[in-house]
Amino acid sequence: MKKVFYLTLIFSISFTNIFAQETDINCRKNLLVVSYNVENLFDTIDDPHKVDNEFLPTSKKKWTTSRYNEKLSHLTKVISSVDSTKLPGLLSLVEVENQLVLEDLIKEKSLQKARYEIIHHESPDRRGIDVALLYNSKLFKLINKQFYKVELSNDNYFKTREILYAKLVFKKTKDTLHIFVNHWPSRRGGQEKSEHKRMRAAEVLKGITDSLFMADGNPRILIMGDFNDEPTDKSIIETLNVKAINNVSNSNLYNLSLNKHLQKIGSYYYWKTKEWNMIDQIIVSGQVLNSKKGLQVKSTDIEILRHDFFLYTNKNGVKSPAKTYGGKKYYGGYSDHLPIYFYLYYKCK
């Protein structure tokens, strides 16, 4: 059954991409959307309510102000290199410690012209890593925001990141976007032993998206972040019920990262298996794919940003994301994930 499912996915995605290449030229404007796990963007200040001791100047990692500023500069360089003509209108961020690091990031000179507003909340995560959404205030108006907890009924010790929800109106077309930023529980302890945690995160998200579909049969939904599962894992295709891109319905969800996964292309390089994983994903509702006016997708495939300046090449010539740290050793890199992105088009014939 799975083999038939994958074959259907490959055919339908390939067909839609061919169609997209022919129709992109009919759209005069687009909006850049980026999702990026920035790998432990911590400040240098001790927070007694978080387990952030490894990211302090006095720690073994020696996380100093100069290293922190270098990290901000590196991330800014990556974000501003996605598109030479524009900054992201929407920027989903994973693994940020607090509001302060986000404020420091948007003060960086190369990002200031986007006039980013921050959506962030201190999550229950014990290490203190959160998710956030930056949006261009010239392009969007915030209508509502909420943060949904992911909890396990039989495990009171379990604490993880909340799911960020933002309802935004795109000023140029008056379209409403329902945006979710995720960082699902890790695979610590093994994929199978930890799977139920990500299944629970998927259940929480599914409950919210189902409510949106019931309230509005044609919602424009964008779901982004680091899921710590891949597009064909149970949490995505069974619990969240993400469909194959074939006979698209406005009342279903579809994964723009699936094609890359099937091609064994990823955004995260796992050194133990020496394989690329597609755990960073962008999922959209059918209305985003089907729409003939306003904000719409013209390709069913995300892009993964790969520039040599933020890649590390080992002695065998294999390139992988240049990390900030490897254990306690400071490499001075960028992030252990690559950014993923896509465009929402408008003013189309």
C-alpha atoms as a PDB file:
ATOM      1  CA  MET A   1       0.000   0.000   0.000  1.00  0.00           C
ATOM      2  CA  LYS A   2       2.815   2.397   0.884  1.00  0.00           C
ATOM      3  CA  LYS A   3       4.529   1.685  -2.454  1.00  0.00           C
ATOM      4  CA  VAL A   4       1.388   2.729  -4.350  1.00  0.00           C
ATOM      5  CA  PHE A   5       1.093   5.809  -2.110  1.00  0.00           C
ATOM      6  CA  TYR A   6       4.679   6.913  -2.874  1.00  0.00           C
ATOM      7  CA  LEU A   7       4.344   6.276  -6.612  1.00  0.00           C
ATOM      8  CA  THR A   8       1.184   8.372  -6.685  1.00  0.00           C
ATOM      9  CA  LEU A   9       2.999  11.139  -4.842  1.00  0.00           C
ATOM     10  CA  ILE A  10       5.972  11.132  -7.220  1.00  0.00           C
ATOM     11  CA  PHE A  11       3.756  11.243 -10.317  1.00  0.00           C
ATOM     12  CA  SER A  12       1.420  13.933  -9.033  1.00  0.00           C
ATOM     13  CA  ILE A  13       4.218  16.189  -7.764  1.00  0.00           C
ATOM     14  CA  SER A  14       6.236  15.874 -10.985  1.00  0.00           C
ATOM     15  CA  PHE A  15       3.150  16.702 -13.067  1.00  0.00           C
ATOM     16  CA  THR A  16       2.278  19.743 -10.973  1.00  0.00           C
ATOM     17  CA  ASN A  17       5.848  21.069 -11.095  1.00  0.00           C
ATOM     18  CA  ILE A  18       5.825  20.954 -14.901  1.00  0.00           C
ATOM     19  CA  PHE A  19       2.571  22.915 -14.851  1.00  0.00           C
ATOM     20  CA  ALA A  20       4.016  25.414 -12.368  1.00  0.00           C
ATOM     21  CA  GLN A  21       7.034  26.164 -14.570  1.00  0.00           C
ATOM     22  CA  GLU A  22       4.661  27.199 -17.355  1.00  0.00           C
ATOM     23  CA  THR A  23       2.468  29.433 -15.194  1.00  0.00           C
ATOM     24  CA  ASP A  24       4.982  31.265 -12.996  1.00  0.00           C
ATOM     25  CA  ILE A  25       5.563  33.889 -15.685  1.00  0.00           C
ATOM     26  CA  ASN A  26       1.918  34.963 -15.443  1.00  0.00           C
ATOM     27  CA  CYS A  27       2.429  36.283 -11.889  1.00  0.00           C
ATOM     28  CA  ARG A  28       3.912  39.742 -11.441  1.00  0.00           C
ATOM     29  CA  LYS A  29       4.458  39.771  -7.673  1.00  0.00           C
ATOM     30  CA  ASN A  30       5.525  37.273  -5.028  1.00  0.00           C
ATOM     31  CA  LEU A  31       6.044  36.960  -1.313  1.00  0.00           C
ATOM     32  CA  LEU A  32       9.057  35.086   0.090  1.00  0.00           C
ATOM     33  CA  VAL A  33       8.375  32.656   2.954  1.00  0.00           C
ATOM     34  CA  VAL A  34      11.344  31.125   4.837  1.00  0.00           C
ATOM     35  CA  SER A  35      11.568  28.537   7.623  1.00  0.00           C
ATOM     36  CA  TYR A  36      14.885  28.159   9.449  1.00  0.00           C
ATOM     37  CA  ASN A  37      16.124  26.188  12.450  1.00  0.00           C
ATOM     38  CA  VAL A  38      18.888  28.516  13.655  1.00  0.00           C
ATOM     39  CA  GLU A  39      20.565  26.044  16.064  1.00  0.00           C
ATOM     40  CA  ASN A  40      20.606  27.276  19.641  1.00  0.00           C
ATOM     41  CA  LEU A  41      20.329  31.038  19.322  1.00  0.00           C
ATOM     42  CA  PHE A  42      20.966  31.776  23.014  1.00  0.00           C
ATOM     43  CA  ASP A  43      21.984  35.023  24.651  1.00  0.00           C
ATOM     44  CA  THR A  44      24.850  35.068  27.173  1.00  0.00           C
ATOM     45  CA  ILE A  45      22.707  35.825  30.231  1.00  0.00           C
ATOM     46  CA  ASP A  46      21.912  33.177  32.838  1.00  0.00           C
ATOM     47  CA  ASP A  47      18.179  32.542  33.184  1.00  0.00           C
ATOM     48  CA  PRO A  48      17.523  30.745  36.482  1.00  0.00           C
ATOM     49  CA  HIS A  49      14.285  29.316  35.092  1.00  0.00           C
ATOM     50  CA  LYS A  50      15.981  27.553  32.156  1.00  0.00           C
ATOM     51  CA  VAL A  51      18.675  24.938  31.677  1.00  0.00           C
ATOM     52  CA  ASP A  52      20.818  27.353  29.666  1.00  0.00           C
ATOM     53  CA  ASN A  53      24.083  26.881  31.572  1.00  0.00           C
ATOM     54  CA  GLU A  54      25.983  25.557  28.543  1.00  0.00           C
ATOM     55  CA  PHE A  55      25.467  28.878  26.762  1.00  0.00           C
ATOM     56  CA  LEU A  56      27.203  31.205  29.180  1.00  0.00           C
ATOM     57  CA  PRO A  57      30.631  32.891  29.034  1.00  0.00           C
ATOM     58  CA  THR A  58      31.769  30.755  31.996  1.00  0.00           C
ATOM     59  CA  SER A  59      30.599  27.438  30.518  1.00  0.00           C
ATOM     60  CA  LYS A  60      32.804  24.873  28.787  1.00  0.00           C
ATOM     61  CA  LYS A  61      31.467  26.158  25.480  1.00  0.00           C
ATOM     62  CA  LYS A  62      32.603  29.686  26.390  1.00  0.00           C
ATOM     63  CA  TRP A  63      29.549  31.315  24.828  1.00  0.00           C
ATOM     64  CA  THR A  64      30.812  34.897  24.866  1.00  0.00           C
ATOM     65  CA  THR A  65      29.326  38.150  23.609  1.00  0.00           C
ATOM     66  CA  SER A  66      31.664  38.123  20.593  1.00  0.00           C
ATOM     67  CA  ARG A  67      30.520  34.621  19.643  1.00  0.00           C
ATOM     68  CA  TYR A  68      26.885  35.613  20.131  1.00  0.00           C
ATOM     69  CA  ASN A  69      27.323  38.666  17.891  1.00  0.00           C
ATOM     70  CA  GLU A  70      29.074  36.538  15.286  1.00  0.00           C
ATOM     71  CA  LYS A  71      26.128  34.129  15.350  1.00  0.00           C
ATOM     72  CA  LEU A  72      23.682  36.993  14.756  1.00  0.00           C
ATOM     73  CA  SER A  73      25.814  38.270  11.875  1.00  0.00           C
ATOM     74  CA  HIS A  74      26.007  34.795  10.342  1.00  0.00           C
ATOM     75  CA  LEU A  75      22.263  34.207  10.537  1.00  0.00           C
ATOM     76  CA  THR A  76      21.590  37.611   9.012  1.00  0.00           C
ATOM     77  CA  LYS A  77      23.889  36.808   6.121  1.00  0.00           C
ATOM     78  CA  VAL A  78      22.052  33.538   5.444  1.00  0.00           C
ATOM     79  CA  ILE A  79      18.560  35.050   5.695  1.00  0.00           C
ATOM     80  CA  SER A  80      19.388  37.989   3.423  1.00  0.00           C
ATOM     81  CA  SER A  81      20.970  35.666   0.834  1.00  0.00           C
ATOM     82  CA  VAL A  82      17.798  33.681   0.104  1.00  0.00           C
ATOM     83  CA  ASP A  83      16.687  36.256  -2.474  1.00  0.00           C
ATOM     84  CA  SER A  84      18.871  39.172  -3.595  1.00  0.00           C
ATOM     85  CA  THR A  85      15.779  41.252  -4.458  1.00  0.00           C
ATOM     86  CA  LYS A  86      13.830  40.954  -1.223  1.00  0.00           C
ATOM     87  CA  LEU A  87      13.852  39.837   2.404  1.00  0.00           C
ATOM     88  CA  PRO A  88      11.385  37.206   3.633  1.00  0.00           C
ATOM     89  CA  GLY A  89       7.898  38.577   4.178  1.00  0.00           C
ATOM     90  CA  LEU A  90       7.401  35.727   6.636  1.00  0.00           C
ATOM     91  CA  LEU A  91      10.265  34.168   8.569  1.00  0.00           C
ATOM     92  CA  SER A  92       9.633  31.130  10.770  1.00  0.00           C
ATOM     93  CA  LEU A  93      12.413  30.533  13.324  1.00  0.00           C
ATOM     94  CA  VAL A  94      13.171  27.477  15.475  1.00  0.00           C
ATOM     95  CA  GLU A  95      15.555  27.174  18.457  1.00  0.00           C
ATOM     96  CA  VAL A  96      15.545  30.753  19.730  1.00  0.00           C
ATOM     97  CA  GLU A  97      15.916  31.358  23.460  1.00  0.00           C
ATOM     98  CA  ASN A  98      13.808  34.447  24.047  1.00  0.00           C
ATOM     99  CA  GLN A  99      12.471  37.792  22.877  1.00  0.00           C
ATOM    100  CA  LEU A 100      15.850  39.459  23.406  1.00  0.00           C
ATOM    101  CA  VAL A 101      17.695  37.376  20.810  1.00  0.00           C
ATOM    102  CA  LEU A 102      14.923  38.054  18.308  1.00  0.00           C
ATOM    103  CA  GLU A 103      15.118  41.788  18.941  1.00  0.00           C
ATOM    104  CA  ASP A 104      18.893  41.668  18.504  1.00  0.00           C
ATOM    105  CA  LEU A 105      18.482  39.732  15.256  1.00  0.00           C
ATOM    106  CA  ILE A 106      16.061  42.176  13.616  1.00  0.00           C
ATOM    107  CA  LYS A 107      18.341  45.091  14.590  1.00  0.00           C
ATOM    108  CA  GLU A 108      21.024  43.705  12.292  1.00  0.00           C
ATOM    109  CA  LYS A 109      21.534  46.214   9.478  1.00  0.00           C
ATOM    110  CA  SER A 110      20.710  43.875   6.599  1.00  0.00           C
ATOM    111  CA  LEU A 111      17.317  42.996   8.107  1.00  0.00           C
ATOM    112  CA  GLN A 112      16.159  46.414   9.287  1.00  0.00           C
ATOM    113  CA  LYS A 113      14.380  47.394   6.065  1.00  0.00           C
ATOM    114  CA  ALA A 114      11.873  44.544   6.509  1.00  0.00           C
ATOM    115  CA  ARG A 115      10.494  46.245   9.643  1.00  0.00           C
ATOM    116  CA  TYR A 116       9.890  42.899  11.269  1.00  0.00           C
ATOM    117  CA  GLU A 117       7.381  42.459  14.057  1.00  0.00           C
ATOM    118  CA  ILE A 118       7.958  39.527  16.416  1.00  0.00           C
ATOM    119  CA  ILE A 119       5.522  36.840  17.492  1.00  0.00           C
ATOM    120  CA  HIS A 120       7.024  34.843  20.351  1.00  0.00           C
ATOM    121  CA  HIS A 121       6.137  33.293  23.701  1.00  0.00           C
ATOM    122  CA  GLU A 122       8.235  31.693  26.435  1.00  0.00           C
ATOM    123  CA  SER A 123       7.544  27.984  26.031  1.00  0.00           C
ATOM    124  CA  PRO A 124       7.621  25.295  28.765  1.00  0.00           C
ATOM    125  CA  ASP A 125      10.679  23.681  27.142  1.00  0.00           C
ATOM    126  CA  ARG A 126      13.224  22.990  29.905  1.00  0.00           C
ATOM    127  CA  ARG A 127      16.208  24.179  27.862  1.00  0.00           C
ATOM    128  CA  GLY A 128      14.351  27.346  27.008  1.00  0.00           C
ATOM    129  CA  ILE A 129      14.331  26.961  23.232  1.00  0.00           C
ATOM    130  CA  ASP A 130      11.256  28.414  21.539  1.00  0.00           C
ATOM    131  CA  VAL A 131       9.741  29.036  18.136  1.00  0.00           C
ATOM    132  CA  ALA A 132       8.977  32.449  16.669  1.00  0.00           C
ATOM    133  CA  LEU A 133       7.489  34.138  13.636  1.00  0.00           C
ATOM    134  CA  LEU A 134       8.784  37.371  12.133  1.00  0.00           C
ATOM    135  CA  TYR A 135       6.490  39.188   9.732  1.00  0.00           C
ATOM    136  CA  ASN A 136       7.026  42.277   7.599  1.00  0.00           C
ATOM    137  CA  SER A 137       4.775  44.891   9.181  1.00  0.00           C
ATOM    138  CA  LYS A 138       4.511  46.792   5.891  1.00  0.00           C
ATOM    139  CA  LEU A 139       2.932  43.742   4.273  1.00  0.00           C
ATOM    140  CA  PHE A 140       0.915  42.148   7.081  1.00  0.00           C
ATOM    141  CA  LYS A 141      -1.549  43.074   9.792  1.00  0.00           C
ATOM    142  CA  LEU A 142      -1.749  40.795  12.837  1.00  0.00           C
ATOM    143  CA  ILE A 143      -5.308  39.767  13.721  1.00  0.00           C
ATOM    144  CA  ASN A 144      -4.719  37.110  16.349  1.00  0.00           C
ATOM    145  CA  LYS A 145      -2.015  34.945  17.908  1.00  0.00           C
ATOM    146  CA  GLN A 146      -2.097  31.918  20.211  1.00  0.00           C
ATOM    147  CA  PHE A 147       0.289  29.320  21.595  1.00  0.00           C
ATOM    148  CA  TYR A 148      -0.859  25.724  21.988  1.00  0.00           C
ATOM    149  CA  LYS A 149       0.754  23.407  24.528  1.00  0.00           C
ATOM    150  CA  VAL A 150       1.740  19.833  23.651  1.00  0.00           C
ATOM    151  CA  GLU A 151       1.299  17.672  26.750  1.00  0.00           C
ATOM    152  CA  LEU A 152       1.263  13.966  27.591  1.00  0.00           C
ATOM    153  CA  SER A 153      -1.451  12.839  30.005  1.00  0.00           C
ATOM    154  CA  ASN A 154       0.745  10.123  31.533  1.00  0.00           C
ATOM    155  CA  ASP A 155       3.999  12.093  31.765  1.00  0.00           C
ATOM    156  CA  ASN A 156       4.021  15.234  33.910  1.00  0.00           C
ATOM    157  CA  TYR A 157       7.786  15.667  33.474  1.00  0.00           C
ATOM    158  CA  PHE A 158       7.471  16.034  29.706  1.00  0.00           C
ATOM    159  CA  LYS A 159       7.853  19.642  28.543  1.00  0.00           C
ATOM    160  CA  THR A 160       8.226  20.774  24.954  1.00  0.00           C
ATOM    161  CA  ARG A 161       7.775  23.722  22.654  1.00  0.00           C
ATOM    162  CA  GLU A 162       4.314  25.144  22.063  1.00  0.00           C
ATOM    163  CA  ILE A 163       2.792  25.373  18.592  1.00  0.00           C
ATOM    164  CA  LEU A 164       2.666  29.017  17.529  1.00  0.00           C
ATOM    165  CA  TYR A 165      -0.441  30.192  15.684  1.00  0.00           C
ATOM    166  CA  ALA A 166      -0.796  33.564  13.961  1.00  0.00           C
ATOM    167  CA  LYS A 167      -3.685  34.934  11.934  1.00  0.00           C
ATOM    168  CA  LEU A 168      -2.398  37.575   9.541  1.00  0.00           C
ATOM    169  CA  VAL A 169      -3.963  39.624   6.760  1.00  0.00           C
ATOM    170  CA  PHE A 170      -1.832  40.309   3.687  1.00  0.00           C
ATOM    171  CA  LYS A 171      -2.477  44.006   3.045  1.00  0.00           C
ATOM    172  CA  LYS A 172      -2.016  43.951  -0.733  1.00  0.00           C
ATOM    173  CA  THR A 173      -4.727  41.348  -1.431  1.00  0.00           C
ATOM    174  CA  LYS A 174      -6.678  41.322   1.871  1.00  0.00           C
ATOM    175  CA  ASP A 175      -6.143  37.538   2.079  1.00  0.00           C
ATOM    176  CA  THR A 176      -6.095  35.930   5.522  1.00  0.00           C
ATOM    177  CA  LEU A 177      -3.272  33.511   6.338  1.00  0.00           C
ATOM    178  CA  HIS A 178      -3.376  31.020   9.199  1.00  0.00           C
ATOM    179  CA  ILE A 179       0.254  30.301  10.093  1.00  0.00           C
ATOM    180  CA  PHE A 180       1.641  27.624  12.412  1.00  0.00           C
ATOM    181  CA  VAL A 181       5.268  27.379  13.565  1.00  0.00           C
ATOM    182  CA  ASN A 182       6.355  24.027  14.989  1.00  0.00           C
ATOM    183  CA  HIS A 183       9.295  22.378  16.713  1.00  0.00           C
ATOM    184  CA  TRP A 184       8.091  18.897  17.558  1.00  0.00           C
ATOM    185  CA  PRO A 185       9.789  16.716  20.215  1.00  0.00           C
ATOM    186  CA  SER A 186      13.181  15.285  19.273  1.00  0.00           C
ATOM    187  CA  ARG A 187      14.095  11.684  18.535  1.00  0.00           C
ATOM    188  CA  ARG A 188      16.179  11.405  21.674  1.00  0.00           C
ATOM    189  CA  GLY A 189      16.030   7.780  22.843  1.00  0.00           C
ATOM    190  CA  GLY A 190      15.336   6.567  19.316  1.00  0.00           C
ATOM    191  CA  GLN A 191      12.712   7.196  16.650  1.00  0.00           C
ATOM    192  CA  GLU A 192      10.293   4.506  17.809  1.00  0.00           C
ATOM    193  CA  LYS A 193      10.496   5.227  21.545  1.00  0.00           C
ATOM    194  CA  SER A 194       9.952   8.940  21.007  1.00  0.00           C
ATOM    195  CA  GLU A 195       7.391   8.707  18.202  1.00  0.00           C
ATOM    196  CA  HIS A 196       4.364   9.016  20.504  1.00  0.00           C
ATOM    197  CA  LYS A 197       5.518  12.508  21.497  1.00  0.00           C
ATOM    198  CA  ARG A 198       5.456  13.738  17.923  1.00  0.00           C
ATOM    199  CA  MET A 199       2.167  11.945  17.333  1.00  0.00           C
ATOM    200  CA  ARG A 200       0.769  13.977  20.214  1.00  0.00           C
ATOM    201  CA  ALA A 201       2.062  17.215  18.663  1.00  0.00           C
ATOM    202  CA  ALA A 202       0.382  16.196  15.392  1.00  0.00           C
ATOM    203  CA  GLU A 203      -2.887  15.538  17.247  1.00  0.00           C
ATOM    204  CA  VAL A 204      -2.830  19.010  18.780  1.00  0.00           C
ATOM    205  CA  LEU A 205      -2.145  20.626  15.413  1.00  0.00           C
ATOM    206  CA  LYS A 206      -4.799  18.495  13.676  1.00  0.00           C
ATOM    207  CA  GLY A 207      -7.415  19.618  16.189  1.00  0.00           C
ATOM    208  CA  ILE A 208      -6.681  23.272  15.420  1.00  0.00           C
ATOM    209  CA  THR A 209      -6.610  22.895  11.623  1.00  0.00           C
ATOM    210  CA  ASP A 210      -9.842  20.859  11.686  1.00  0.00           C
ATOM    211  CA  SER A 211     -11.502  23.760  13.499  1.00  0.00           C
ATOM    212  CA  LEU A 212     -10.267  26.165  10.820  1.00  0.00           C
ATOM    213  CA  PHE A 213     -11.614  23.957   8.036  1.00  0.00           C
ATOM    214  CA  MET A 214     -14.994  23.754   9.804  1.00  0.00           C
ATOM    215  CA  ALA A 215     -15.188  27.524  10.325  1.00  0.00           C
ATOM    216  CA  ASP A 216     -14.038  28.367   6.796  1.00  0.00           C
ATOM    217  CA  GLY A 217     -14.120  25.779   4.014  1.00  0.00           C
ATOM    218  CA  ASN A 218     -11.326  27.558   2.154  1.00  0.00           C
ATOM    219  CA  PRO A 219      -8.697  28.662   4.703  1.00  0.00           C
ATOM    220  CA  ARG A 220      -5.205  29.562   3.570  1.00  0.00           C
ATOM    221  CA  ILE A 221      -3.053  27.569   6.012  1.00  0.00           C
ATOM    222  CA  LEU A 222       0.763  27.544   6.203  1.00  0.00           C
ATOM    223  CA  ILE A 223       2.423  25.056   8.578  1.00  0.00           C
ATOM    224  CA  MET A 224       6.195  25.388   9.006  1.00  0.00           C
ATOM    225  CA  GLY A 225       9.088  24.371  11.214  1.00  0.00           C
ATOM    226  CA  ASP A 226      11.186  21.434  12.379  1.00  0.00           C
ATOM    227  CA  PHE A 227       9.007  18.347  12.866  1.00  0.00           C
ATOM    228  CA  ASN A 228      11.771  15.886  13.797  1.00  0.00           C
ATOM    229  CA  ASP A 229       9.844  13.470  11.569  1.00  0.00           C
ATOM    230  CA  GLU A 230       9.952  13.165   7.802  1.00  0.00           C
ATOM    231  CA  PRO A 231       7.079  13.668   5.335  1.00  0.00           C
ATOM    232  CA  THR A 232       6.242   9.941   5.127  1.00  0.00           C
ATOM    233  CA  ASP A 233       6.289   9.260   8.886  1.00  0.00           C
ATOM    234  CA  LYS A 234       3.078   8.381  10.739  1.00  0.00           C
ATOM    235  CA  SER A 235       2.772  11.688  12.558  1.00  0.00           C
ATOM    236  CA  ILE A 236       2.548  13.530   9.220  1.00  0.00           C
ATOM    237  CA  ILE A 237       0.628  11.245   6.873  1.00  0.00           C
ATOM    238  CA  GLU A 238      -1.604   9.472   9.391  1.00  0.00           C
ATOM    239  CA  THR A 239      -2.176  11.690  12.421  1.00  0.00           C
ATOM    240  CA  LEU A 240      -1.971  15.089  10.700  1.00  0.00           C
ATOM    241  CA  ASN A 241      -3.507  13.425   7.609  1.00  0.00           C
ATOM    242  CA  VAL A 242      -1.400  15.198   4.990  1.00  0.00           C
ATOM    243  CA  LYS A 243      -2.499  14.059   1.521  1.00  0.00           C
ATOM    244  CA  ALA A 244      -0.805  13.271  -1.782  1.00  0.00           C
ATOM    245  CA  ILE A 245      -0.869  16.237  -4.169  1.00  0.00           C
ATOM    246  CA  ASN A 246      -3.451  14.760  -6.494  1.00  0.00           C
ATOM    247  CA  ASN A 247      -7.003  16.035  -7.035  1.00  0.00           C
ATOM    248  CA  VAL A 248      -6.351  18.796  -4.517  1.00  0.00           C
ATOM    249  CA  SER A 249      -9.223  19.634  -2.178  1.00  0.00           C
ATOM    250  CA  ASN A 250      -9.481  22.911  -0.289  1.00  0.00           C
ATOM    251  CA  SER A 251     -10.300  20.982   2.895  1.00  0.00           C
ATOM    252  CA  ASN A 252      -7.037  19.003   3.080  1.00  0.00           C
ATOM    253  CA  LEU A 253      -3.361  19.583   3.833  1.00  0.00           C
ATOM    254  CA  TYR A 254      -0.453  18.975   1.407  1.00  0.00           C
ATOM    255  CA  ASN A 255       3.306  18.789   1.988  1.00  0.00           C
ATOM    256  CA  LEU A 256       5.549  20.948  -0.193  1.00  0.00           C
ATOM    257  CA  SER A 257       8.635  19.218   1.254  1.00  0.00           C
ATOM    258  CA  LEU A 258       7.621  15.726   0.182  1.00  0.00           C
ATOM    259  CA  ASN A 259       9.216  15.760  -3.243  1.00  0.00           C
ATOM    260  CA  LYS A 260      12.642  16.576  -1.792  1.00  0.00           C
ATOM    261  CA  HIS A 261      12.270  13.734   0.715  1.00  0.00           C
ATOM    262  CA  LEU A 262      11.400  11.213  -2.004  1.00  0.00           C
ATOM    263  CA  GLN A 263      14.491  12.327  -3.910  1.00  0.00           C
ATOM    264  CA  LYS A 264      16.570  11.780  -0.733  1.00  0.00           C
ATOM    265  CA  ILE A 265      17.347  15.481  -0.496  1.00  0.00           C
ATOM    266  CA  GLY A 266      17.163  17.100   2.924  1.00  0.00           C
ATOM    267  CA  SER A 267      17.774  20.154   5.073  1.00  0.00           C
ATOM    268  CA  TYR A 268      19.502  18.338   7.956  1.00  0.00           C
ATOM    269  CA  TYR A 269      22.543  16.048   7.677  1.00  0.00           C
ATOM    270  CA  TYR A 270      22.616  13.339  10.343  1.00  0.00           C
ATOM    271  CA  TRP A 271      26.264  12.465  10.905  1.00  0.00           C
ATOM    272  CA  LYS A 272      25.584   9.037  12.454  1.00  0.00           C
ATOM    273  CA  THR A 273      23.820   7.661   9.365  1.00  0.00           C
ATOM    274  CA  LYS A 274      25.535  10.040   6.914  1.00  0.00           C
ATOM    275  CA  GLU A 275      22.131  10.763   5.399  1.00  0.00           C
ATOM    276  CA  TRP A 276      20.119  13.876   4.652  1.00  0.00           C
ATOM    277  CA  ASN A 277      16.790  14.183   6.457  1.00  0.00           C
ATOM    278  CA  MET A 278      13.801  16.319   5.420  1.00  0.00           C
ATOM    279  CA  ILE A 279      12.637  17.150   8.944  1.00  0.00           C
ATOM    280  CA  ASP A 280      12.174  20.849   8.125  1.00  0.00           C
ATOM    281  CA  GLN A 281       8.915  21.100   6.241  1.00  0.00           C
ATOM    282  CA  ILE A 282       6.283  23.432   4.827  1.00  0.00           C
ATOM    283  CA  ILE A 283       2.709  22.144   4.621  1.00  0.00           C
ATOM    284  CA  VAL A 284      -0.172  24.093   3.056  1.00  0.00           C
ATOM    285  CA  SER A 285      -3.923  23.793   2.705  1.00  0.00           C
ATOM    286  CA  GLY A 286      -5.540  23.036  -0.628  1.00  0.00           C
ATOM    287  CA  GLN A 287      -6.797  26.614  -0.997  1.00  0.00           C
ATOM    288  CA  VAL A 288      -3.184  27.818  -1.290  1.00  0.00           C
ATOM    289  CA  LEU A 289      -2.682  25.387  -4.191  1.00  0.00           C
ATOM    290  CA  ASN A 290      -6.107  25.797  -5.835  1.00  0.00           C
ATOM    291  CA  SER A 291      -6.629  29.540  -5.611  1.00  0.00           C
ATOM    292  CA  LYS A 292      -6.951  31.432  -8.890  1.00  0.00           C
ATOM    293  CA  LYS A 293      -6.651  34.882  -7.324  1.00  0.00           C
ATOM    294  CA  GLY A 294      -4.869  36.415  -4.364  1.00  0.00           C
ATOM    295  CA  LEU A 295      -2.060  34.553  -2.610  1.00  0.00           C
ATOM    296  CA  GLN A 296      -1.300  31.228  -4.250  1.00  0.00           C
ATOM    297  CA  VAL A 297       1.488  28.666  -4.723  1.00  0.00           C
ATOM    298  CA  LYS A 298       2.779  28.071  -8.247  1.00  0.00           C
ATOM    299  CA  SER A 299       5.006  25.111  -7.387  1.00  0.00           C
ATOM    300  CA  THR A 300       4.410  22.074  -5.203  1.00  0.00           C
ATOM    301  CA  ASP A 301       8.063  21.907  -4.156  1.00  0.00           C
ATOM    302  CA  ILE A 302       9.956  23.933  -1.576  1.00  0.00           C
ATOM    303  CA  GLU A 303      13.529  25.046  -2.141  1.00  0.00           C
ATOM    304  CA  ILE A 304      16.472  24.368   0.167  1.00  0.00           C
ATOM    305  CA  LEU A 305      19.059  27.132   0.408  1.00  0.00           C
ATOM    306  CA  ARG A 306      22.593  25.831  -0.181  1.00  0.00           C
ATOM    307  CA  HIS A 307      25.417  28.351  -0.455  1.00  0.00           C
ATOM    308  CA  ASP A 308      29.025  27.296  -0.025  1.00  0.00           C
ATOM    309  CA  PHE A 309      29.686  30.012   2.561  1.00  0.00           C
ATOM    310  CA  PHE A 310      27.559  28.222   5.175  1.00  0.00           C
ATOM    311  CA  LEU A 311      28.506  24.659   4.231  1.00  0.00           C
ATOM    312  CA  TYR A 312      31.329  22.540   5.626  1.00  0.00           C
ATOM    313  CA  THR A 313      33.227  20.191   3.298  1.00  0.00           C
ATOM    314  CA  ASN A 314      34.847  17.158   4.936  1.00  0.00           C
ATOM    315  CA  LYS A 315      37.963  15.291   3.743  1.00  0.00           C
ATOM    316  CA  ASN A 316      35.809  13.092   1.487  1.00  0.00           C
ATOM    317  CA  GLY A 317      34.282  16.089  -0.242  1.00  0.00           C
ATOM    318  CA  VAL A 318      30.869  15.702   1.444  1.00  0.00           C
ATOM    319  CA  LYS A 319      29.164  19.025   2.171  1.00  0.00           C
ATOM    320  CA  SER A 320      26.949  19.552   5.201  1.00  0.00           C
ATOM    321  CA  PRO A 321      25.666  22.539   7.222  1.00  0.00           C
ATOM    322  CA  ALA A 322      28.467  24.386   9.017  1.00  0.00           C
ATOM    323  CA  LYS A 323      27.489  24.129  12.684  1.00  0.00           C
ATOM    324  CA  THR A 324      28.171  26.599  15.474  1.00  0.00           C
ATOM    325  CA  TYR A 325      29.380  23.842  17.784  1.00  0.00           C
ATOM    326  CA  GLY A 326      30.285  20.181  17.581  1.00  0.00           C
ATOM    327  CA  GLY A 327      29.813  19.059  21.166  1.00  0.00           C
ATOM    328  CA  LYS A 328      31.856  21.581  23.166  1.00  0.00           C
ATOM    329  CA  LYS A 329      34.126  22.486  20.244  1.00  0.00           C
ATOM    330  CA  TYR A 330      33.425  25.871  18.694  1.00  0.00           C
ATOM    331  CA  TYR A 331      33.376  25.843  14.883  1.00  0.00           C
ATOM    332  CA  GLY A 332      31.984  29.327  14.409  1.00  0.00           C
ATOM    333  CA  GLY A 333      29.496  28.131  11.828  1.00  0.00           C
ATOM    334  CA  TYR A 334      25.938  29.131  11.065  1.00  0.00           C
ATOM    335  CA  SER A 335      23.422  26.378  11.894  1.00  0.00           C
ATOM    336  CA  ASP A 336      23.156  22.600  11.693  1.00  0.00           C
ATOM    337  CA  HIS A 337      20.058  23.024   9.492  1.00  0.00           C
ATOM    338  CA  LEU A 338      19.613  24.600   6.074  1.00  0.00           C
ATOM    339  CA  PRO A 339      16.810  27.124   5.503  1.00  0.00           C
ATOM    340  CA  ILE A 340      13.843  26.070   3.373  1.00  0.00           C
ATOM    341  CA  TYR A 341      11.657  28.487   1.444  1.00  0.00           C
ATOM    342  CA  PHE A 342       8.939  29.011  -1.150  1.00  0.00           C
ATOM    343  CA  TYR A 343       7.014  31.867  -2.775  1.00  0.00           C
ATOM    344  CA  LEU A 344       3.393  32.917  -2.529  1.00  0.00           C
ATOM    345  CA  TYR A 345       2.375  34.663  -5.748  1.00  0.00           C
ATOM    346  CA  TYR A 346      -0.222  37.348  -6.317  1.00  0.00           C
ATOM    347  CA  LYS A 347      -1.410  39.610  -9.129  1.00  0.00           C
ATOM    348  CA  CYS A 348      -1.663  36.610 -11.430  1.00  0.00           C
ATOM    349  CA  LYS A 349      -3.498  36.382 -14.765  1.00  0.00           C
END
